[in-house]
Amino acid sequence: MPNKYPSLFELVRAALGDKAAEATDFLDLFTEDAVLDYPFAPAGTPEQLIGKANIAAHATRPAPLLEFGDFILETVYPLADAVIFEATCQGRGSRTNLPYDQKYICVLHLRDGRIARYQDYWNPLTLISALGGEDAMARAYAY
């Protein structure tokens, strides 16, 4: 299995393997009532998003803030109705040019081949640093 992917969609699709239903984009991987959890979310960013519409609205936030490099799929742990995977990504803050070198552990709970719950464990300090500090991050994520 190649372990380098140009997008989060392709990374997650690869991690899910044959457990996933057909999907054309990242949001297509989710059930309509999916829950996306960020257990280590920094202040000013959501800890939980409920429903595909809320996930879609939030998914557009990082695009102008970060320039992502390839996503590296390190390890996949398939379970009966879930997948746990470890991944890394290197990138930069779009405005700061500061590094965004992130490590992820993701727990995906599936229903009928789609993600019903996505628990995303990552280091918020990496995001805060890449965006130029807590104030810059708060402004970037202000709704």
Protein backbone atom coordinates (compact mmCIF):
# COMPACT_ATOMS: atom_id res chain seq x y z
CA MET A 1 0.00 0.00 0.00
CA PRO A 2 1.47 3.37 -0.93
CA ASN A 3 1.56 5.54 2.14
CA LYS A 4 1.77 9.08 0.69
CA TYR A 5 -1.44 10.93 -0.28
CA PRO A 6 -1.95 14.46 -1.65
CA SER A 7 -5.18 15.13 0.26
CA LEU A 8 -6.99 14.30 3.48
CA PHE A 9 -9.74 12.63 1.43
CA GLU A 10 -7.29 10.25 -0.22
CA LEU A 11 -5.57 9.55 3.11
CA VAL A 12 -8.82 8.67 4.89
CA ARG A 13 -10.07 6.67 1.89
CA ALA A 14 -6.87 4.63 1.94
CA ALA A 15 -7.08 4.08 5.71
CA LEU A 16 -10.65 2.81 5.37
CA GLY A 17 -9.71 0.45 2.56
CA ASP A 18 -12.48 -1.92 1.52
CA LYS A 19 -14.58 -0.98 4.56
CA ALA A 20 -15.61 2.31 2.88
CA ALA A 21 -18.57 2.84 0.61
CA GLU A 22 -17.91 4.56 -2.72
CA ALA A 23 -17.12 8.24 -2.19
CA THR A 24 -16.26 11.09 -4.55
CA ASP A 25 -14.96 13.55 -1.95
CA PHE A 26 -14.16 13.91 1.75
CA LEU A 27 -17.72 14.76 2.85
CA ASP A 28 -19.12 11.82 0.89
CA LEU A 29 -17.31 9.54 3.36
CA PHE A 30 -19.65 10.65 6.19
CA THR A 31 -23.19 9.72 7.23
CA GLU A 32 -25.68 12.62 7.33
CA ASP A 33 -25.71 12.53 11.15
CA ALA A 34 -21.95 12.07 11.58
CA VAL A 35 -20.09 13.47 14.58
CA LEU A 36 -16.57 14.90 14.26
CA ASP A 37 -14.72 15.20 17.57
CA TYR A 38 -11.57 17.22 18.26
CA PRO A 39 -10.73 16.10 21.83
CA PHE A 40 -7.72 18.45 22.03
CA ALA A 41 -9.31 21.45 20.30
CA PRO A 42 -7.70 24.73 21.35
CA ALA A 43 -9.84 27.51 22.80
CA GLY A 44 -11.85 29.26 20.12
CA THR A 45 -12.18 26.21 17.87
CA PRO A 46 -14.98 23.64 17.95
CA GLU A 47 -14.60 20.52 20.07
CA GLN A 48 -17.41 18.74 18.26
CA LEU A 49 -19.31 19.11 15.00
CA ILE A 50 -22.61 17.31 14.59
CA GLY A 51 -24.07 16.56 11.17
CA LYS A 52 -22.58 16.54 7.69
CA ALA A 53 -23.66 20.15 7.06
CA ASN A 54 -21.70 21.42 10.07
CA ILE A 55 -18.70 19.31 9.11
CA ALA A 56 -18.89 20.75 5.58
CA ALA A 57 -19.00 24.33 6.87
CA HIS A 58 -15.99 23.72 9.10
CA ALA A 59 -14.00 21.81 6.46
CA THR A 60 -13.48 25.00 4.46
CA ARG A 61 -11.73 26.77 7.40
CA PRO A 62 -8.19 25.33 7.09
CA ALA A 63 -7.85 25.90 3.30
CA PRO A 64 -6.89 29.61 3.46
CA LEU A 65 -4.91 29.14 6.70
CA LEU A 66 -2.60 26.24 5.89
CA GLU A 67 -0.73 24.92 2.88
CA PHE A 68 -0.69 21.16 3.23
CA GLY A 69 2.00 18.89 1.84
CA ASP A 70 1.48 15.19 1.41
CA PHE A 71 -0.28 13.19 4.09
CA ILE A 72 1.64 10.10 5.18
CA LEU A 73 -0.33 7.09 6.35
CA GLU A 74 1.89 5.48 8.97
CA THR A 75 -0.19 2.63 10.39
CA VAL A 76 -3.75 1.32 10.07
CA TYR A 77 -5.54 -0.76 12.70
CA PRO A 78 -8.76 -2.16 11.16
CA LEU A 79 -11.47 -3.32 13.58
CA ALA A 80 -14.90 -4.86 13.01
CA ASP A 81 -16.83 -1.58 12.68
CA ALA A 82 -14.04 0.97 13.03
CA VAL A 83 -10.60 1.93 11.78
CA ILE A 84 -7.82 3.54 13.78
CA PHE A 85 -4.94 5.08 11.90
CA GLU A 86 -1.78 7.09 12.50
CA ALA A 87 -0.71 9.73 10.00
CA THR A 88 1.54 12.73 9.60
CA CYS A 89 1.45 15.84 7.47
CA GLN A 90 3.92 18.59 6.78
CA GLY A 91 2.79 21.99 5.67
CA ARG A 92 3.05 25.71 6.40
CA GLY A 93 0.94 28.54 7.67
CA SER A 94 -0.29 30.42 4.58
CA ARG A 95 0.25 33.87 6.10
CA THR A 96 3.18 33.11 8.40
CA ASN A 97 5.18 30.56 6.40
CA LEU A 98 5.75 28.83 9.75
CA PRO A 99 5.87 25.01 9.74
CA TYR A 100 2.80 22.87 10.28
CA ASP A 101 4.30 19.45 10.98
CA GLN A 102 1.43 17.50 12.48
CA LYS A 103 0.92 13.98 13.80
CA TYR A 104 -2.57 12.50 13.90
CA ILE A 105 -4.26 9.52 15.48
CA CYS A 106 -7.77 9.11 14.11
CA VAL A 107 -10.53 6.79 15.25
CA LEU A 108 -13.27 6.29 12.65
CA HIS A 109 -16.49 4.52 13.61
CA LEU A 110 -18.39 3.23 10.58
CA ARG A 111 -22.02 2.62 9.72
CA ASP A 112 -22.90 1.10 6.35
CA GLY A 113 -19.44 1.94 4.98
CA ARG A 114 -19.59 5.62 5.97
CA ILE A 115 -18.03 7.48 8.88
CA ALA A 116 -20.56 7.94 11.69
CA ARG A 117 -18.02 9.29 14.19
CA TYR A 118 -14.54 10.69 13.49
CA GLN A 119 -12.32 11.30 16.51
CA ASP A 120 -9.31 13.38 15.47
CA TYR A 121 -6.42 13.44 17.95
CA TRP A 122 -3.74 15.96 17.00
CA ASN A 123 -1.47 18.52 18.65
CA PRO A 124 -3.18 21.94 18.80
CA LEU A 125 0.11 23.65 19.61
CA THR A 126 1.32 22.82 16.10
CA LEU A 127 -1.68 24.66 14.61
CA ILE A 128 -1.34 27.62 16.97
CA SER A 129 2.34 27.99 16.09
CA ALA A 130 1.79 27.71 12.32
CA LEU A 131 -0.89 30.40 12.43
CA GLY A 132 1.30 32.80 14.40
CA GLY A 133 0.02 32.40 17.96
CA GLU A 134 -3.22 32.15 19.90
CA ASP A 135 -4.58 35.56 18.87
CA ALA A 136 -3.99 34.86 15.18
CA MET A 137 -5.66 31.46 15.51
CA ALA A 138 -8.67 32.95 17.34
CA ARG A 139 -9.13 35.52 14.54
CA ALA A 140 -8.78 32.86 11.86
CA TYR A 141 -11.42 30.63 13.43
CA ALA A 142 -13.86 33.35 14.54
CA TYR A 143 -17.32 32.62 13.21
